[in-house]
C-alpha atoms as a PDB file:
ATOM      1  CA  MET A   1     -81.220 -28.102  47.347  1.00  0.00           C
ATOM      2  CA  ASN A   2     -79.357 -30.343  49.680  1.00  0.00           C
ATOM      3  CA  ARG A   3     -76.360 -30.307  47.274  1.00  0.00           C
ATOM      4  CA  GLU A   4     -76.678 -26.352  46.792  1.00  0.00           C
ATOM      5  CA  LYS A   5     -76.856 -25.793  50.225  1.00  0.00           C
ATOM      6  CA  GLU A   6     -73.678 -27.835  51.084  1.00  0.00           C
ATOM      7  CA  ALA A   7     -71.716 -26.053  48.114  1.00  0.00           C
ATOM      8  CA  ALA A   8     -72.495 -22.659  50.094  1.00  0.00           C
ATOM      9  CA  ARG A   9     -71.844 -24.069  53.435  1.00  0.00           C
ATOM     10  CA  ASN A  10     -68.430 -25.062  51.860  1.00  0.00           C
ATOM     11  CA  ARG A  11     -67.647 -21.831  50.295  1.00  0.00           C
ATOM     12  CA  ALA A  12     -68.892 -19.995  53.559  1.00  0.00           C
ATOM     13  CA  ARG A  13     -66.644 -22.185  55.766  1.00  0.00           C
ATOM     14  CA  ALA A  14     -63.686 -21.289  53.486  1.00  0.00           C
ATOM     15  CA  ILE A  15     -64.304 -17.883  53.487  1.00  0.00           C
ATOM     16  CA  ARG A  16     -64.449 -18.118  57.067  1.00  0.00           C
ATOM     17  CA  TYR A  17     -61.431 -20.209  57.740  1.00  0.00           C
ATOM     18  CA  ARG A  18     -59.199 -17.380  56.410  1.00  0.00           C
ATOM     19  CA  LEU A  19     -59.986 -15.114  58.889  1.00  0.00           C
ATOM     20  CA  SER A  20     -56.963 -14.922  61.589  1.00  0.00           C
ATOM     21  CA  PRO A  21     -57.751 -15.177  65.172  1.00  0.00           C
ATOM     22  CA  GLY A  22     -57.342 -11.458  65.119  1.00  0.00           C
ATOM     23  CA  GLU A  23     -59.840 -10.790  62.862  1.00  0.00           C
ATOM     24  CA  VAL A  24     -61.973 -13.132  64.779  1.00  0.00           C
ATOM     25  CA  SER A  25     -61.751 -11.532  67.749  1.00  0.00           C
ATOM     26  CA  SER A  26     -61.879  -8.036  66.553  1.00  0.00           C
ATOM     27  CA  LEU A  27     -65.105  -8.609  64.480  1.00  0.00           C
ATOM     28  CA  SER A  28     -66.693 -10.577  67.551  1.00  0.00           C
ATOM     29  CA  ALA A  29     -66.078  -7.714  69.550  1.00  0.00           C
ATOM     30  CA  ALA A  30     -68.173  -5.111  67.042  1.00  0.00           C
ATOM     31  CA  ILE A  31     -70.863  -7.719  66.784  1.00  0.00           C
ATOM     32  CA  GLU A  32     -71.046  -8.156  70.830  1.00  0.00           C
ATOM     33  CA  GLN A  33     -71.354  -4.417  70.912  1.00  0.00           C
ATOM     34  CA  HIS A  34     -74.576  -4.524  69.157  1.00  0.00           C
ATOM     35  CA  LEU A  35     -75.943  -7.559  70.790  1.00  0.00           C
ATOM     36  CA  GLN A  36     -75.528  -5.571  73.836  1.00  0.00           C
ATOM     37  CA  GLU A  37     -77.491  -3.135  72.939  1.00  0.00           C
ATOM     38  CA  ILE A  38     -80.420  -5.435  71.277  1.00  0.00           C
ATOM     39  CA  ILE A  39     -80.367  -7.886  74.456  1.00  0.00           C
ATOM     40  CA  ASP A  40     -80.239  -4.805  76.776  1.00  0.00           C
ATOM     41  CA  GLY A  41     -82.735  -5.526  79.759  1.00  0.00           C
ATOM     42  CA  GLU A  42     -83.984  -9.058  78.471  1.00  0.00           C
ATOM     43  CA  SER A  43     -83.688 -12.228  80.563  1.00  0.00           C
ATOM     44  CA  PRO A  44     -83.121 -14.805  80.307  1.00  0.00           C
ATOM     45  CA  VAL A  45     -81.248 -14.936  77.019  1.00  0.00           C
ATOM     46  CA  MET A  46     -80.479 -18.182  75.022  1.00  0.00           C
ATOM     47  CA  VAL A  47     -76.802 -17.572  73.673  1.00  0.00           C
ATOM     48  CA  TYR A  48     -74.542 -20.457  71.910  1.00  0.00           C
ATOM     49  CA  ALA A  49     -71.309 -21.034  73.506  1.00  0.00           C
ATOM     50  CA  SER A  50     -68.788 -20.722  70.664  1.00  0.00           C
ATOM     51  CA  LYS A  51     -66.277 -22.726  69.067  1.00  0.00           C
ATOM     52  CA  PRO A  52     -63.110 -21.529  66.982  1.00  0.00           C
ATOM     53  CA  GLY A  53     -63.812 -19.795  63.978  1.00  0.00           C
ATOM     54  CA  GLU A  54     -67.259 -18.885  64.806  1.00  0.00           C
ATOM     55  CA  VAL A  55     -68.372 -15.409  66.265  1.00  0.00           C
ATOM     56  CA  ASP A  56     -66.804 -15.561  69.721  1.00  0.00           C
ATOM     57  CA  THR A  57     -69.595 -15.126  72.384  1.00  0.00           C
ATOM     58  CA  HIS A  58     -67.461 -15.739  75.419  1.00  0.00           C
ATOM     59  CA  CYS A  59     -67.476 -12.141  76.203  1.00  0.00           C
ATOM     60  CA  LEU A  60     -70.719 -11.583  75.287  1.00  0.00           C
ATOM     61  CA  ILE A  61     -71.762 -14.113  77.619  1.00  0.00           C
ATOM     62  CA  THR A  62     -69.356 -12.789  80.612  1.00  0.00           C
ATOM     63  CA  GLY A  63     -70.902  -9.668  79.961  1.00  0.00           C
ATOM     64  CA  LEU A  64     -74.248 -10.250  80.146  1.00  0.00           C
ATOM     65  CA  LEU A  65     -73.791 -12.189  83.377  1.00  0.00           C
ATOM     66  CA  ALA A  66     -72.055  -9.422  84.770  1.00  0.00           C
ATOM     67  CA  ARG A  67     -74.659  -7.166  84.253  1.00  0.00           C
ATOM     68  CA  GLY A  68     -76.977  -9.923  85.912  1.00  0.00           C
ATOM     69  CA  THR A  69     -78.684 -11.141  83.009  1.00  0.00           C
ATOM     70  CA  GLU A  70     -79.557 -14.848  83.064  1.00  0.00           C
ATOM     71  CA  VAL A  71     -77.762 -16.542  80.526  1.00  0.00           C
ATOM     72  CA  VAL A  72     -78.968 -19.837  79.010  1.00  0.00           C
ATOM     73  CA  VAL A  73     -76.874 -22.294  76.563  1.00  0.00           C
ATOM     74  CA  PRO A  74     -77.963 -25.101  74.179  1.00  0.00           C
ATOM     75  CA  ILE A  75     -76.882 -29.016  74.784  1.00  0.00           C
ATOM     76  CA  ILE A  76     -77.121 -31.201  71.499  1.00  0.00           C
ATOM     77  CA  GLU A  77     -79.031 -34.035  72.433  1.00  0.00           C
ATOM     78  CA  GLN A  78     -77.592 -36.197  69.501  1.00  0.00           C
ATOM     79  CA  GLU A  79     -80.287 -39.122  69.941  1.00  0.00           C
ATOM     80  CA  THR A  80     -83.326 -36.980  69.760  1.00  0.00           C
ATOM     81  CA  ARG A  81     -81.599 -34.263  67.044  1.00  0.00           C
ATOM     82  CA  THR A  82     -82.684 -31.582  69.309  1.00  0.00           C
ATOM     83  CA  LEU A  83     -81.531 -29.029  71.817  1.00  0.00           C
ATOM     84  CA  ARG A  84     -82.239 -28.924  75.634  1.00  0.00           C
ATOM     85  CA  LEU A  85     -81.332 -26.165  78.018  1.00  0.00           C
ATOM     86  CA  SER A  86     -79.078 -25.079  80.601  1.00  0.00           C
ATOM     87  CA  TYR A  87     -78.817 -21.878  82.671  1.00  0.00           C
ATOM     88  CA  LEU A  88     -74.918 -20.628  82.655  1.00  0.00           C
ATOM     89  CA  ARG A  89     -73.932 -19.043  85.774  1.00  0.00           C
ATOM     90  CA  ASP A  90     -70.234 -19.860  85.315  1.00  0.00           C
ATOM     91  CA  PRO A  91     -68.516 -20.116  81.850  1.00  0.00           C
ATOM     92  CA  GLU A  92     -65.365 -21.666  83.599  1.00  0.00           C
ATOM     93  CA  VAL A  93     -67.621 -25.083  83.596  1.00  0.00           C
ATOM     94  CA  LEU A  94     -68.063 -25.285  79.478  1.00  0.00           C
ATOM     95  CA  ARG A  95     -65.954 -27.910  78.138  1.00  0.00           C
ATOM     96  CA  PRO A  96     -66.020 -29.326  74.263  1.00  0.00           C
ATOM     97  CA  SER A  97     -68.550 -31.728  73.873  1.00  0.00           C
ATOM     98  CA  THR A  98     -70.931 -32.842  71.030  1.00  0.00           C
ATOM     99  CA  PHE A  99     -69.334 -31.234  67.726  1.00  0.00           C
ATOM    100  CA  SER A 100     -66.609 -29.786  69.924  1.00  0.00           C
ATOM    101  CA  VAL A 101     -69.520 -27.480  70.893  1.00  0.00           C
ATOM    102  CA  PRO A 102     -68.722 -25.910  74.570  1.00  0.00           C
ATOM    103  CA  GLU A 103     -71.122 -27.328  76.764  1.00  0.00           C
ATOM    104  CA  PRO A 104     -71.822 -27.225  81.023  1.00  0.00           C
ATOM    105  CA  ILE A 105     -71.976 -31.433  80.986  1.00  0.00           C
ATOM    106  CA  GLY A 106     -72.046 -32.240  84.700  1.00  0.00           C
ATOM    107  CA  CYS A 107     -73.019 -28.849  85.555  1.00  0.00           C
ATOM    108  CA  GLU A 108     -76.495 -28.658  84.098  1.00  0.00           C
ATOM    109  CA  ILE A 109     -79.510 -26.068  85.362  1.00  0.00           C
ATOM    110  CA  PRO A 110     -82.388 -27.244  83.705  1.00  0.00           C
ATOM    111  CA  VAL A 111     -84.547 -24.252  82.177  1.00  0.00           C
ATOM    112  CA  ARG A 112     -87.697 -24.931  79.707  1.00  0.00           C
ATOM    113  CA  PRO A 113     -87.818 -23.400  76.450  1.00  0.00           C
ATOM    114  CA  SER A 114     -91.159 -21.164  77.503  1.00  0.00           C
ATOM    115  CA  ALA A 115     -88.646 -19.129  79.907  1.00  0.00           C
ATOM    116  CA  ILE A 116     -86.976 -17.971  76.547  1.00  0.00           C
ATOM    117  CA  ASP A 117     -87.957 -14.743  74.903  1.00  0.00           C
ATOM    118  CA  LEU A 118     -84.521 -14.034  72.939  1.00  0.00           C
ATOM    119  CA  VAL A 119     -82.018 -16.125  71.132  1.00  0.00           C
ATOM    120  CA  VAL A 120     -78.775 -15.538  70.054  1.00  0.00           C
ATOM    121  CA  VAL A 121     -78.297 -18.182  66.682  1.00  0.00           C
ATOM    122  CA  PRO A 122     -75.092 -18.824  64.899  1.00  0.00           C
ATOM    123  CA  MET A 123     -74.674 -18.629  61.577  1.00  0.00           C
ATOM    124  CA  ILE A 124     -72.396 -20.218  58.660  1.00  0.00           C
ATOM    125  CA  ALA A 125     -74.189 -17.942  56.342  1.00  0.00           C
ATOM    126  CA  PHE A 126     -76.878 -15.586  55.642  1.00  0.00           C
ATOM    127  CA  ASP A 127     -78.732 -13.670  53.303  1.00  0.00           C
ATOM    128  CA  ARG A 128     -80.959 -10.617  53.893  1.00  0.00           C
ATOM    129  CA  ARG A 129     -84.059 -12.103  53.724  1.00  0.00           C
ATOM    130  CA  GLY A 130     -83.196 -13.856  57.266  1.00  0.00           C
ATOM    131  CA  PHE A 131     -82.104 -17.079  56.202  1.00  0.00           C
ATOM    132  CA  ARG A 132     -78.987 -18.940  57.099  1.00  0.00           C
ATOM    133  CA  ILE A 133     -76.900 -22.051  56.509  1.00  0.00           C
ATOM    134  CA  GLY A 134     -76.037 -23.698  59.804  1.00  0.00           C
ATOM    135  CA  TYR A 135     -73.969 -27.033  59.997  1.00  0.00           C
ATOM    136  CA  GLY A 136     -76.851 -28.916  58.189  1.00  0.00           C
ATOM    137  CA  ALA A 137     -77.956 -31.144  61.237  1.00  0.00           C
ATOM    138  CA  GLY A 138     -80.976 -28.908  61.880  1.00  0.00           C
ATOM    139  CA  TYR A 139     -80.680 -28.599  65.497  1.00  0.00           C
ATOM    140  CA  TYR A 140     -81.648 -24.865  65.578  1.00  0.00           C
ATOM    141  CA  ASP A 141     -84.174 -25.211  63.151  1.00  0.00           C
ATOM    142  CA  ARG A 142     -86.442 -28.334  64.612  1.00  0.00           C
ATOM    143  CA  PHE A 143     -85.604 -26.203  68.344  1.00  0.00           C
ATOM    144  CA  LEU A 144     -86.907 -22.859  66.590  1.00  0.00           C
ATOM    145  CA  SER A 145     -89.868 -24.189  64.724  1.00  0.00           C
ATOM    146  CA  ALA A 146     -90.760 -25.788  67.982  1.00  0.00           C
ATOM    147  CA  HIS A 147     -90.777 -22.357  69.786  1.00  0.00           C
ATOM    148  CA  PRO A 148     -91.948 -19.896  67.143  1.00  0.00           C
ATOM    149  CA  ARG A 149     -92.626 -17.155  69.825  1.00  0.00           C
ATOM    150  CA  MET A 150     -89.146 -16.749  70.402  1.00  0.00           C
ATOM    151  CA  LYS A 151     -86.871 -13.353  68.800  1.00  0.00           C
ATOM    152  CA  LYS A 152     -84.203 -14.929  66.882  1.00  0.00           C
ATOM    153  CA  ILE A 153     -81.033 -13.305  66.355  1.00  0.00           C
ATOM    154  CA  GLY A 154     -78.437 -14.798  63.730  1.00  0.00           C
ATOM    155  CA  VAL A 155     -74.940 -13.616  64.189  1.00  0.00           C
ATOM    156  CA  ALA A 156     -72.320 -13.919  61.391  1.00  0.00           C
ATOM    157  CA  PHE A 157     -69.465 -12.177  60.079  1.00  0.00           C
ATOM    158  CA  SER A 158     -70.299  -9.943  57.020  1.00  0.00           C
ATOM    159  CA  CYS A 159     -68.173 -11.782  54.488  1.00  0.00           C
ATOM    160  CA  LEU A 160     -70.218 -14.414  55.015  1.00  0.00           C
ATOM    161  CA  GLU A 161     -73.364 -12.955  53.561  1.00  0.00           C
ATOM    162  CA  VAL A 162     -74.622 -14.741  50.418  1.00  0.00           C
ATOM    163  CA  GLU A 163     -77.104 -13.252  47.787  1.00  0.00           C
ATOM    164  CA  ALA A 164     -79.647 -16.075  48.437  1.00  0.00           C
ATOM    165  CA  VAL A 165     -79.745 -19.087  50.870  1.00  0.00           C
ATOM    166  CA  PRO A 166     -81.104 -21.970  49.243  1.00  0.00           C
ATOM    167  CA  ALA A 167     -83.795 -22.285  51.921  1.00  0.00           C
ATOM    168  CA  ASP A 168     -86.593 -24.552  52.221  1.00  0.00           C
ATOM    169  CA  GLU A 169     -89.946 -25.133  54.242  1.00  0.00           C
ATOM    170  CA  ASN A 170     -87.738 -26.696  57.137  1.00  0.00           C
ATOM    171  CA  ASP A 171     -85.590 -23.683  57.234  1.00  0.00           C
ATOM    172  CA  VAL A 172     -86.755 -21.172  60.190  1.00  0.00           C
ATOM    173  CA  PRO A 173     -85.657 -17.146  59.364  1.00  0.00           C
ATOM    174  CA  MET A 174     -84.131 -15.032  61.780  1.00  0.00           C
ATOM    175  CA  ASP A 175     -85.757 -12.123  63.101  1.00  0.00           C
ATOM    176  CA  ILE A 176     -82.786 -10.095  62.917  1.00  0.00           C
ATOM    177  CA  ILE A 177     -79.231 -10.317  61.977  1.00  0.00           C
ATOM    178  CA  VAL A 178     -76.237  -9.034  63.387  1.00  0.00           C
ATOM    179  CA  THR A 179     -72.800  -8.634  61.687  1.00  0.00           C
ATOM    180  CA  GLU A 180     -69.943  -6.314  62.672  1.00  0.00           C
ATOM    181  CA  GLU A 181     -71.183  -3.595  60.318  1.00  0.00           C
ATOM    182  CA  GLY A 182     -74.675  -3.295  62.484  1.00  0.00           C
ATOM    183  CA  VAL A 183     -78.059  -4.761  62.847  1.00  0.00           C
ATOM    184  CA  LEU A 184     -80.332  -5.633  60.130  1.00  0.00           C
ATOM    185  CA  GLU A 185     -84.330  -6.080  61.174  1.00  0.00           C
ATOM    186  CA  ILE A 186     -85.729  -8.429  58.718  1.00  0.00           C
ATOM    187  CA  SER A 187     -89.100  -7.684  57.562  1.00  0.00           C
ATOM    188  CA  PRO A 188     -92.163  -9.923  58.464  1.00  0.00           C
ATOM    189  CA  ARG A 189     -93.549 -12.359  56.029  1.00  0.00           C
END
């Protein structure tokens, strides 16, 4: 299973790396439009701070903050292999940190996971059952397993859809998947 998932991850990365910065920007803007409609009224919202090549969340974060939505970002805890959370009041404090992920290190405002009802999750690849392929370390799956009541919205470019993610018992499916093409509500299992 791990070998199959790693092969799918590598194929998806290759597709993603072929996207130009202009394409990433344009596709991300379309995804942001869909997300703004879904998120409308929710607060706080957990949103990953994107790194190059991912669905860009910087405009989403700025837009949410501008309309008064509290934004929470994850911080990678390598020692415990989990995520801790911080409110983000100013995107300018984000700096590349663990795995080059932008984090508010030194400017953290701790928040309990119980305060979060909705989380936007990065996906390298996905299928229509709601399963995703991440970077392979399991941070989000462990976090989401520990907090199952959160509504999980996975975001990716539509070109990264696969027939079936080789999912196992540790994989947490998304409730909603958003691409530039639209919103896919996943049927409950």
